[in-house]
């Protein structure tokens, strides 16, 4: 599946996932804690 992409000259492939699975996330994704990265802490 990846070889045709590389052969076509596409550059910068981050990841290849099955169709319909692009939004399947966990709280930890690619080594990042998404709940920490996508929220902010406000101290009053």
PDB file of N, CA and C in Angstrom:
ATOM      1  N   UNK A   1       0.819  -1.191   0.000  1.00  0.00           N
ATOM      2  CA  UNK A   1       0.000   0.000   0.000  1.00  0.00           C
ATOM      3  C   UNK A   1       0.869   1.264   0.000  1.00  0.00           C
ATOM      4  N   UNK A   2       1.995   1.227   0.682  1.00  0.00           N
ATOM      5  CA  UNK A   2       2.846   2.409   0.787  1.00  0.00           C
ATOM      6  C   UNK A   2       3.727   2.583  -0.447  1.00  0.00           C
ATOM      7  N   UNK A   3       4.163   1.493  -1.035  1.00  0.00           N
ATOM      8  CA  UNK A   3       5.069   1.582  -2.190  1.00  0.00           C
ATOM      9  C   UNK A   3       4.502   2.392  -3.349  1.00  0.00           C
ATOM     10  N   UNK A   4       3.217   2.226  -3.724  1.00  0.00           N
ATOM     11  CA  UNK A   4       2.696   3.076  -4.809  1.00  0.00           C
ATOM     12  C   UNK A   4       2.710   4.565  -4.452  1.00  0.00           C
ATOM     13  N   UNK A   5       2.507   4.888  -3.186  1.00  0.00           N
ATOM     14  CA  UNK A   5       2.565   6.296  -2.774  1.00  0.00           C
ATOM     15  C   UNK A   5       3.966   6.853  -2.940  1.00  0.00           C
ATOM     16  N   UNK A   6       4.942   6.097  -2.504  1.00  0.00           N
ATOM     17  CA  UNK A   6       6.333   6.541  -2.637  1.00  0.00           C
ATOM     18  C   UNK A   6       6.725   6.622  -4.106  1.00  0.00           C
ATOM     19  N   UNK A   7       6.321   5.621  -4.894  1.00  0.00           N
ATOM     20  CA  UNK A   7       6.664   5.601  -6.315  1.00  0.00           C
ATOM     21  C   UNK A   7       6.017   6.764  -7.074  1.00  0.00           C
ATOM     22  N   UNK A   8       4.874   7.250  -6.594  1.00  0.00           N
ATOM     23  CA  UNK A   8       4.197   8.353  -7.281  1.00  0.00           C
ATOM     24  C   UNK A   8       4.849   9.697  -7.007  1.00  0.00           C
ATOM     25  N   UNK A   9       5.804   9.734  -6.078  1.00  0.00           N
ATOM     26  CA  UNK A   9       6.504  10.983  -5.796  1.00  0.00           C
ATOM     27  C   UNK A   9       5.917  11.781  -4.663  1.00  0.00           C
ATOM     28  N   UNK A  10       4.920  11.226  -3.974  1.00  0.00           N
ATOM     29  CA  UNK A  10       4.336  11.926  -2.823  1.00  0.00           C
ATOM     30  C   UNK A  10       5.397  12.036  -1.749  1.00  0.00           C
ATOM     31  N   UNK A  11       5.536  13.233  -1.179  1.00  0.00           N
ATOM     32  CA  UNK A  11       6.529  13.456  -0.125  1.00  0.00           C
ATOM     33  C   UNK A  11       5.815  13.847   1.160  1.00  0.00           C
ATOM     34  N   UNK A  12       6.392  13.454   2.264  1.00  0.00           N
ATOM     35  CA  UNK A  12       5.866  13.870   3.559  1.00  0.00           C
ATOM     36  C   UNK A  12       4.730  13.025   4.084  1.00  0.00           C
ATOM     37  N   UNK A  13       4.756  11.724   3.826  1.00  0.00           N
ATOM     38  CA  UNK A  13       3.711  10.851   4.352  1.00  0.00           C
ATOM     39  C   UNK A  13       3.909  10.714   5.858  1.00  0.00           C
ATOM     40  N   UNK A  14       2.916  11.103   6.645  1.00  0.00           N
ATOM     41  CA  UNK A  14       2.991  10.975   8.094  1.00  0.00           C
ATOM     42  C   UNK A  14       2.570   9.589   8.542  1.00  0.00           C
ATOM     43  N   UNK A  15       1.433   9.122   8.033  1.00  0.00           N
ATOM     44  CA  UNK A  15       0.946   7.792   8.394  1.00  0.00           C
ATOM     45  C   UNK A  15      -0.076   7.339   7.373  1.00  0.00           C
ATOM     46  N   UNK A  16      -0.242   6.060   7.264  1.00  0.00           N
ATOM     47  CA  UNK A  16      -1.237   5.474   6.373  1.00  0.00           C
ATOM     48  C   UNK A  16      -2.164   4.646   7.251  1.00  0.00           C
ATOM     49  N   UNK A  17      -3.458   4.939   7.177  1.00  0.00           N
ATOM     50  CA  UNK A  17      -4.453   4.225   7.987  1.00  0.00           C
ATOM     51  C   UNK A  17      -5.548   3.709   7.067  1.00  0.00           C
ATOM     52  N   UNK A  18      -6.270   2.680   7.509  1.00  0.00           N
ATOM     53  CA  UNK A  18      -7.373   2.166   6.705  1.00  0.00           C
ATOM     54  C   UNK A  18      -8.466   3.226   6.501  1.00  0.00           C
ATOM     55  N   UNK A  19      -9.184   3.124   5.392  1.00  0.00           N
ATOM     56  CA  UNK A  19     -10.276   4.048   5.109  1.00  0.00           C
ATOM     57  C   UNK A  19     -11.299   3.988   6.245  1.00  0.00           C
ATOM     58  N   UNK A  20     -11.708   5.141   6.716  1.00  0.00           N
ATOM     59  CA  UNK A  20     -12.693   5.221   7.788  1.00  0.00           C
ATOM     60  C   UNK A  20     -12.100   5.188   9.182  1.00  0.00           C
ATOM     61  N   UNK A  21     -10.795   5.101   9.296  1.00  0.00           N
ATOM     62  CA  UNK A  21     -10.148   5.011  10.611  1.00  0.00           C
ATOM     63  C   UNK A  21      -9.311   6.242  10.951  1.00  0.00           C
ATOM     64  N   UNK A  22      -9.408   7.297  10.160  1.00  0.00           N
ATOM     65  CA  UNK A  22      -8.546   8.457  10.383  1.00  0.00           C
ATOM     66  C   UNK A  22      -8.864   9.201  11.672  1.00  0.00           C
ATOM     67  N   UNK A  23     -10.077   9.082  12.168  1.00  0.00           N
ATOM     68  CA  UNK A  23     -10.446   9.800  13.388  1.00  0.00           C
ATOM     69  C   UNK A  23     -10.462   8.902  14.619  1.00  0.00           C
ATOM     70  N   UNK A  24      -9.924   7.701  14.528  1.00  0.00           N
ATOM     71  CA  UNK A  24      -9.830   6.809  15.686  1.00  0.00           C
ATOM     72  C   UNK A  24      -8.628   7.231  16.530  1.00  0.00           C
ATOM     73  N   UNK A  25      -8.894   7.971  17.571  1.00  0.00           N
ATOM     74  CA  UNK A  25      -7.837   8.465  18.450  1.00  0.00           C
ATOM     75  C   UNK A  25      -7.980   7.857  19.837  1.00  0.00           C
ATOM     76  N   UNK A  26      -6.876   7.803  20.531  1.00  0.00           N
ATOM     77  CA  UNK A  26      -6.848   7.438  21.925  1.00  0.00           C
ATOM     78  C   UNK A  26      -6.356   8.681  22.666  1.00  0.00           C
ATOM     79  N   UNK A  27      -6.355   8.655  23.984  1.00  0.00           N
ATOM     80  CA  UNK A  27      -5.849   9.812  24.722  1.00  0.00           C
ATOM     81  C   UNK A  27      -4.357  10.015  24.496  1.00  0.00           C
ATOM     82  N   UNK A  28      -3.639   8.945  24.165  1.00  0.00           N
ATOM     83  CA  UNK A  28      -2.235   9.058  23.790  1.00  0.00           C
ATOM     84  C   UNK A  28      -2.129   8.690  22.327  1.00  0.00           C
ATOM     85  N   UNK A  29      -1.570   9.597  21.516  1.00  0.00           N
ATOM     86  CA  UNK A  29      -1.523   9.411  20.074  1.00  0.00           C
ATOM     87  C   UNK A  29      -0.167   9.875  19.577  1.00  0.00           C
ATOM     88  N   UNK A  30       0.552   9.017  18.906  1.00  0.00           N
ATOM     89  CA  UNK A  30       1.897   9.313  18.395  1.00  0.00           C
ATOM     90  C   UNK A  30       2.827   9.832  19.492  1.00  0.00           C
ATOM     91  N   UNK A  31       2.640   9.329  20.711  1.00  0.00           N
ATOM     92  CA  UNK A  31       3.496   9.726  21.821  1.00  0.00           C
ATOM     93  C   UNK A  31       3.079  11.003  22.513  1.00  0.00           C
ATOM     94  N   UNK A  32       1.979  11.607  22.090  1.00  0.00           N
ATOM     95  CA  UNK A  32       1.507  12.844  22.706  1.00  0.00           C
ATOM     96  C   UNK A  32       0.273  12.578  23.559  1.00  0.00           C
ATOM     97  N   UNK A  33       0.199  13.222  24.699  1.00  0.00           N
ATOM     98  CA  UNK A  33      -0.975  13.158  25.543  1.00  0.00           C
ATOM     99  C   UNK A  33      -1.958  14.202  25.007  1.00  0.00           C
ATOM    100  N   UNK A  34      -2.987  13.759  24.295  1.00  0.00           N
ATOM    101  CA  UNK A  34      -3.900  14.698  23.628  1.00  0.00           C
ATOM    102  C   UNK A  34      -4.690  15.537  24.605  1.00  0.00           C
ATOM    103  N   UNK A  35      -5.100  14.968  25.731  1.00  0.00           N
ATOM    104  CA  UNK A  35      -5.863  15.766  26.685  1.00  0.00           C
ATOM    105  C   UNK A  35      -5.007  16.896  27.249  1.00  0.00           C
ATOM    106  N   UNK A  36      -3.711  16.678  27.377  1.00  0.00           N
ATOM    107  CA  UNK A  36      -2.800  17.718  27.844  1.00  0.00           C
ATOM    108  C   UNK A  36      -2.513  18.737  26.745  1.00  0.00           C
ATOM    109  N   UNK A  37      -2.349  18.273  25.516  1.00  0.00           N
ATOM    110  CA  UNK A  37      -2.011  19.149  24.394  1.00  0.00           C
ATOM    111  C   UNK A  37      -3.185  19.989  23.902  1.00  0.00           C
ATOM    112  N   UNK A  38      -4.403  19.470  24.019  1.00  0.00           N
ATOM    113  CA  UNK A  38      -5.566  20.146  23.443  1.00  0.00           C
ATOM    114  C   UNK A  38      -6.401  20.894  24.481  1.00  0.00           C
ATOM    115  N   UNK A  39      -5.900  21.010  25.699  1.00  0.00           N
ATOM    116  CA  UNK A  39      -6.589  21.778  26.732  1.00  0.00           C
ATOM    117  C   UNK A  39      -5.602  22.753  27.350  1.00  0.00           C
ATOM    118  N   UNK A  40      -6.117  23.650  28.132  1.00  0.00           N
ATOM    119  CA  UNK A  40      -5.235  24.566  28.840  1.00  0.00           C
ATOM    120  C   UNK A  40      -5.670  24.650  30.294  1.00  0.00           C
ATOM    121  N   UNK A  41      -4.760  24.991  31.134  1.00  0.00           N
ATOM    122  CA  UNK A  41      -5.020  25.143  32.559  1.00  0.00           C
ATOM    123  C   UNK A  41      -5.070  26.625  32.884  1.00  0.00           C
ATOM    124  N   UNK A  42      -6.131  27.037  33.521  1.00  0.00           N
ATOM    125  CA  UNK A  42      -6.284  28.430  33.925  1.00  0.00           C
ATOM    126  C   UNK A  42      -6.220  28.477  35.438  1.00  0.00           C
ATOM    127  N   UNK A  43      -5.289  29.259  35.963  1.00  0.00           N
ATOM    128  CA  UNK A  43      -5.123  29.407  37.401  1.00  0.00           C
ATOM    129  C   UNK A  43      -5.613  30.792  37.776  1.00  0.00           C
ATOM    130  N   UNK A  44      -6.564  30.806  38.700  1.00  0.00           N
ATOM    131  CA  UNK A  44      -7.097  32.101  39.163  1.00  0.00           C
ATOM    132  C   UNK A  44      -6.540  32.468  40.507  1.00  0.00           C
TER     133      UNK A  44
END
